[in-house]
Amino acid sequence: MPFYEYRLKSGSGCSHCRDGFDELQKIADEPLTHCPRCGGPVQRIISAPAVQSGSAHLSDPDHFSKKGFTQYKKVQKGVYEKTGGKGPRYISDDGK
């Protein structure tokens, strides 16, 4: 469910709607026409959505650690260094 921004249409309003407020609503819900606290007239504002493009956030070491995984990066042929999570600091294919 998205958050929608509302602002006071006219009048003085209350402390809740005077400077605008956010409301969590279903997409199918009708826009609010009045402040839920004071009943003052409000209108929904069109605002920019928060969008993450790409998948860079998925390769972030903190992302792996929070999900319980360990991430390694290749440092040289056959040697990998831990960048996030639990586990040995290095892994090598020579058994050391």
C-alpha atoms as a PDB file:
ATOM      1  CA  MET A   1       0.000   0.000   0.000  1.00  0.00           C
ATOM      2  CA  PRO A   2       1.375   3.424  -0.910  1.00  0.00           C
ATOM      3  CA  PHE A   3       1.573   6.556   1.178  1.00  0.00           C
ATOM      4  CA  TYR A   4      -0.295   9.526  -0.254  1.00  0.00           C
ATOM      5  CA  GLU A   5       0.482  13.142   0.604  1.00  0.00           C
ATOM      6  CA  TYR A   6      -2.303  15.561   1.445  1.00  0.00           C
ATOM      7  CA  ARG A   7      -2.363  19.273   2.106  1.00  0.00           C
ATOM      8  CA  LEU A   8      -4.923  21.715   3.366  1.00  0.00           C
ATOM      9  CA  LYS A   9      -7.032  23.161   0.554  1.00  0.00           C
ATOM     10  CA  SER A  10      -8.160  26.299   2.380  1.00  0.00           C
ATOM     11  CA  GLY A  11      -8.629  27.680   5.866  1.00  0.00           C
ATOM     12  CA  SER A  12      -6.393  27.340   8.881  1.00  0.00           C
ATOM     13  CA  GLY A  13      -6.761  23.616   9.624  1.00  0.00           C
ATOM     14  CA  CYS A  14      -5.305  21.790  12.602  1.00  0.00           C
ATOM     15  CA  SER A  15      -1.711  20.944  13.506  1.00  0.00           C
ATOM     16  CA  HIS A  16      -2.121  17.645  11.622  1.00  0.00           C
ATOM     17  CA  CYS A  17      -3.139  19.063   8.230  1.00  0.00           C
ATOM     18  CA  ARG A  18      -1.779  22.624   8.324  1.00  0.00           C
ATOM     19  CA  ASP A  19       1.669  21.654   6.970  1.00  0.00           C
ATOM     20  CA  GLY A  20       0.445  18.585   5.091  1.00  0.00           C
ATOM     21  CA  PHE A  21       0.352  14.939   6.117  1.00  0.00           C
ATOM     22  CA  ASP A  22       0.897  11.449   4.731  1.00  0.00           C
ATOM     23  CA  GLU A  23      -1.785   8.774   4.718  1.00  0.00           C
ATOM     24  CA  LEU A  24      -1.299   5.040   4.069  1.00  0.00           C
ATOM     25  CA  GLN A  25      -4.100   3.935   1.746  1.00  0.00           C
ATOM     26  CA  LYS A  26      -4.919   1.168  -0.680  1.00  0.00           C
ATOM     27  CA  ILE A  27      -4.593   2.140  -4.323  1.00  0.00           C
ATOM     28  CA  ALA A  28      -8.308   1.437  -4.804  1.00  0.00           C
ATOM     29  CA  ASP A  29      -9.314   3.769  -1.928  1.00  0.00           C
ATOM     30  CA  GLU A  30     -10.885   7.075  -2.822  1.00  0.00           C
ATOM     31  CA  PRO A  31      -8.723  10.138  -2.054  1.00  0.00           C
ATOM     32  CA  LEU A  32      -9.476  11.885   1.236  1.00  0.00           C
ATOM     33  CA  THR A  33     -11.455  15.088   0.900  1.00  0.00           C
ATOM     34  CA  HIS A  34     -11.317  16.109   4.575  1.00  0.00           C
ATOM     35  CA  CYS A  35      -8.709  15.981   7.322  1.00  0.00           C
ATOM     36  CA  PRO A  36      -9.319  12.907   9.502  1.00  0.00           C
ATOM     37  CA  ARG A  37      -8.749  14.984  12.673  1.00  0.00           C
ATOM     38  CA  CYS A  38     -10.416  18.369  12.138  1.00  0.00           C
ATOM     39  CA  GLY A  39     -12.554  17.848   9.042  1.00  0.00           C
ATOM     40  CA  GLY A  40     -10.872  20.671   7.090  1.00  0.00           C
ATOM     41  CA  PRO A  41     -10.863  20.375   3.287  1.00  0.00           C
ATOM     42  CA  VAL A  42      -7.723  18.649   1.929  1.00  0.00           C
ATOM     43  CA  GLN A  43      -6.434  17.621  -1.469  1.00  0.00           C
ATOM     44  CA  ARG A  44      -4.077  14.852  -2.503  1.00  0.00           C
ATOM     45  CA  ILE A  45      -0.715  15.994  -3.864  1.00  0.00           C
ATOM     46  CA  ILE A  46       1.040  14.253  -6.705  1.00  0.00           C
ATOM     47  CA  SER A  47       4.583  13.560  -5.565  1.00  0.00           C
ATOM     48  CA  ALA A  48       7.591  11.723  -6.922  1.00  0.00           C
ATOM     49  CA  PRO A  49       7.694   8.030  -6.025  1.00  0.00           C
ATOM     50  CA  ALA A  50      10.667   6.485  -4.235  1.00  0.00           C
ATOM     51  CA  VAL A  51      12.097   4.145  -6.847  1.00  0.00           C
ATOM     52  CA  GLN A  52      15.276   2.085  -6.683  1.00  0.00           C
ATOM     53  CA  SER A  53      16.544   1.309 -10.131  1.00  0.00           C
ATOM     54  CA  GLY A  54      19.038  -1.361 -10.935  1.00  0.00           C
ATOM     55  CA  SER A  55      20.196  -4.067  -8.608  1.00  0.00           C
ATOM     56  CA  ALA A  56      23.197  -2.405  -6.924  1.00  0.00           C
ATOM     57  CA  HIS A  57      21.420  -2.507  -3.555  1.00  0.00           C
ATOM     58  CA  LEU A  58      21.161  -6.309  -3.835  1.00  0.00           C
ATOM     59  CA  SER A  59      24.932  -6.760  -3.981  1.00  0.00           C
ATOM     60  CA  ASP A  60      25.548  -4.566  -0.946  1.00  0.00           C
ATOM     61  CA  PRO A  61      27.329  -6.594   1.794  1.00  0.00           C
ATOM     62  CA  ASP A  62      24.838  -5.360   4.413  1.00  0.00           C
ATOM     63  CA  HIS A  63      21.977  -6.777   2.330  1.00  0.00           C
ATOM     64  CA  PHE A  64      23.553 -10.244   2.410  1.00  0.00           C
ATOM     65  CA  SER A  65      24.423 -10.048   6.119  1.00  0.00           C
ATOM     66  CA  LYS A  66      20.884  -9.054   7.111  1.00  0.00           C
ATOM     67  CA  LYS A  67      19.502 -12.041   5.190  1.00  0.00           C
ATOM     68  CA  GLY A  68      21.921 -14.454   6.887  1.00  0.00           C
ATOM     69  CA  PHE A  69      24.210 -15.026   3.893  1.00  0.00           C
ATOM     70  CA  THR A  70      27.940 -14.552   3.437  1.00  0.00           C
ATOM     71  CA  GLN A  71      29.336 -12.688   0.438  1.00  0.00           C
ATOM     72  CA  TYR A  72      32.837 -13.143  -0.982  1.00  0.00           C
ATOM     73  CA  LYS A  73      34.710 -11.294  -3.728  1.00  0.00           C
ATOM     74  CA  LYS A  74      37.520 -12.688  -5.825  1.00  0.00           C
ATOM     75  CA  VAL A  75      40.883 -11.109  -4.884  1.00  0.00           C
ATOM     76  CA  GLN A  76      43.106 -13.309  -7.023  1.00  0.00           C
ATOM     77  CA  LYS A  77      42.921 -16.612  -8.862  1.00  0.00           C
ATOM     78  CA  GLY A  78      41.451 -19.175  -6.488  1.00  0.00           C
ATOM     79  CA  VAL A  79      41.279 -16.790  -3.488  1.00  0.00           C
ATOM     80  CA  TYR A  80      38.124 -15.085  -2.243  1.00  0.00           C
ATOM     81  CA  GLU A  81      37.799 -12.507   0.537  1.00  0.00           C
ATOM     82  CA  LYS A  82      34.697 -12.122   2.728  1.00  0.00           C
ATOM     83  CA  THR A  83      32.877  -8.808   2.218  1.00  0.00           C
ATOM     84  CA  GLY A  84      29.882  -9.459   4.444  1.00  0.00           C
ATOM     85  CA  GLY A  85      28.259 -12.021   6.712  1.00  0.00           C
ATOM     86  CA  LYS A  86      29.634 -14.785   8.890  1.00  0.00           C
ATOM     87  CA  GLY A  87      32.301 -17.261   7.863  1.00  0.00           C
ATOM     88  CA  PRO A  88      36.028 -17.458   7.253  1.00  0.00           C
ATOM     89  CA  ARG A  89      37.746 -14.271   6.145  1.00  0.00           C
ATOM     90  CA  TYR A  90      39.329 -15.958   3.109  1.00  0.00           C
ATOM     91  CA  ILE A  91      38.515 -18.997   1.003  1.00  0.00           C
ATOM     92  CA  SER A  92      41.092 -20.522  -1.330  1.00  0.00           C
ATOM     93  CA  ASP A  93      41.008 -23.488  -3.661  1.00  0.00           C
ATOM     94  CA  ASP A  94      44.373 -24.780  -2.408  1.00  0.00           C
ATOM     95  CA  GLY A  95      42.823 -25.968   0.879  1.00  0.00           C
ATOM     96  CA  LYS A  96      44.507 -23.345   3.118  1.00  0.00           C
END
